[in-house]
């Protein structure tokens, strides 16, 4: 018996929604800004100046612009995260600080 089309559409839409909700590509200034913002949400201390200083000069403006857009979103976001997410964000931010 063939599966009705409406049942096939649900997994497709869920798959597409996952594609559109992914964050910035790792290694980009936008990713660094997203991690800094998430660290703030998790209650971690982050030295944005140090992060900015470690970025190549040509990427700094992109970091500043992305950081500003994430900061606006962070004011509306819940300021909490699970312990595992907090540890993951802390590792990412530490790695970005050593870059």
Protein backbone atom coordinates (compact mmCIF):
# COMPACT_ATOMS: atom_id res chain seq x y z
CA UNK A 1 0.00 0.00 0.00
CA UNK A 2 1.54 3.39 -0.96
CA UNK A 3 2.30 5.94 1.75
CA UNK A 4 0.21 9.13 1.45
CA UNK A 5 2.23 12.17 0.38
CA UNK A 6 1.35 14.14 3.51
CA UNK A 7 3.23 11.59 5.63
CA UNK A 8 6.34 11.98 3.49
CA UNK A 9 6.28 15.76 3.84
CA UNK A 10 6.76 15.78 7.63
CA UNK A 11 10.28 14.24 7.68
CA UNK A 12 11.27 16.43 4.75
CA UNK A 13 10.14 19.60 6.52
CA UNK A 14 11.87 18.55 9.74
CA UNK A 15 15.07 17.92 7.80
CA UNK A 16 14.89 21.29 6.10
CA UNK A 17 14.22 23.08 9.36
CA UNK A 18 17.38 21.50 10.81
CA UNK A 19 19.36 22.89 7.89
CA UNK A 20 18.13 26.40 8.47
CA UNK A 21 18.72 26.41 12.23
CA UNK A 22 22.39 25.49 12.12
CA UNK A 23 24.76 28.06 13.51
CA UNK A 24 27.78 29.67 11.91
CA UNK A 25 30.54 27.56 10.40
CA UNK A 26 33.32 26.70 12.92
CA UNK A 27 36.50 28.67 12.36
CA UNK A 28 34.72 31.84 11.26
CA UNK A 29 34.49 35.12 13.19
CA UNK A 30 30.72 34.58 13.32
CA UNK A 31 31.25 31.23 15.08
CA UNK A 32 33.56 32.88 17.62
CA UNK A 33 30.95 35.58 18.26
CA UNK A 34 28.21 32.94 18.66
CA UNK A 35 30.31 31.02 21.18
CA UNK A 36 31.08 34.19 23.13
CA UNK A 37 27.38 35.01 23.21
CA UNK A 38 26.45 31.50 24.33
CA UNK A 39 29.15 31.62 27.01
CA UNK A 40 27.53 34.80 28.31
CA UNK A 41 24.16 33.00 28.36
CA UNK A 42 25.76 30.18 30.36
CA UNK A 43 27.18 32.64 32.90
CA UNK A 44 30.81 32.20 31.84
CA UNK A 45 33.28 35.06 31.84
CA UNK A 46 34.74 35.88 28.45
CA UNK A 47 37.24 38.57 27.57
CA UNK A 48 35.85 39.85 24.26
CA UNK A 49 38.84 42.14 23.86
CA UNK A 50 41.22 39.20 24.03
CA UNK A 51 39.12 37.30 21.49
CA UNK A 52 39.11 40.28 19.17
CA UNK A 53 42.87 40.76 19.52
CA UNK A 54 43.52 37.14 18.52
CA UNK A 55 41.53 37.42 15.30
CA UNK A 56 43.27 38.46 12.09
CA UNK A 57 42.76 42.16 11.38
CA UNK A 58 40.55 41.49 8.34
CA UNK A 59 38.13 39.36 10.42
CA UNK A 60 37.68 41.72 13.36
CA UNK A 61 34.87 43.78 11.86
CA UNK A 62 32.91 40.60 11.08
CA UNK A 63 33.34 39.47 14.70
CA UNK A 64 32.15 42.84 16.03
CA UNK A 65 29.09 42.86 13.74
CA UNK A 66 28.16 39.26 14.58
CA UNK A 67 28.77 39.84 18.28
CA UNK A 68 26.40 42.82 18.22
CA UNK A 69 23.66 40.82 16.50
CA UNK A 70 24.03 37.90 18.93
CA UNK A 71 24.06 40.27 21.91
CA UNK A 72 20.63 41.57 20.93
CA UNK A 73 19.33 38.00 20.72
CA UNK A 74 20.96 37.09 24.04
CA UNK A 75 18.90 39.67 25.91
CA UNK A 76 15.80 37.73 24.89
CA UNK A 77 17.27 34.27 25.46
CA UNK A 78 17.07 32.36 28.73
CA UNK A 79 20.32 32.74 30.61
CA UNK A 80 20.87 29.15 31.49
CA UNK A 81 22.34 26.01 30.06
CA UNK A 82 22.92 22.43 31.11
CA UNK A 83 26.23 21.40 32.63
CA UNK A 84 27.27 19.49 29.52
CA UNK A 85 26.54 22.46 27.24
CA UNK A 86 28.32 24.80 29.64
CA UNK A 87 31.43 22.57 29.59
CA UNK A 88 31.32 22.37 25.79
CA UNK A 89 31.00 26.13 25.40
CA UNK A 90 33.78 26.67 27.94
CA UNK A 91 36.10 24.37 25.94
CA UNK A 92 35.23 26.13 22.67
CA UNK A 93 35.81 29.60 24.11
CA UNK A 94 39.12 28.51 25.66
CA UNK A 95 40.25 27.10 22.30
CA UNK A 96 39.25 30.31 20.54
CA UNK A 97 41.22 32.30 23.12
CA UNK A 98 44.38 30.29 22.34
CA UNK A 99 43.98 30.61 18.59
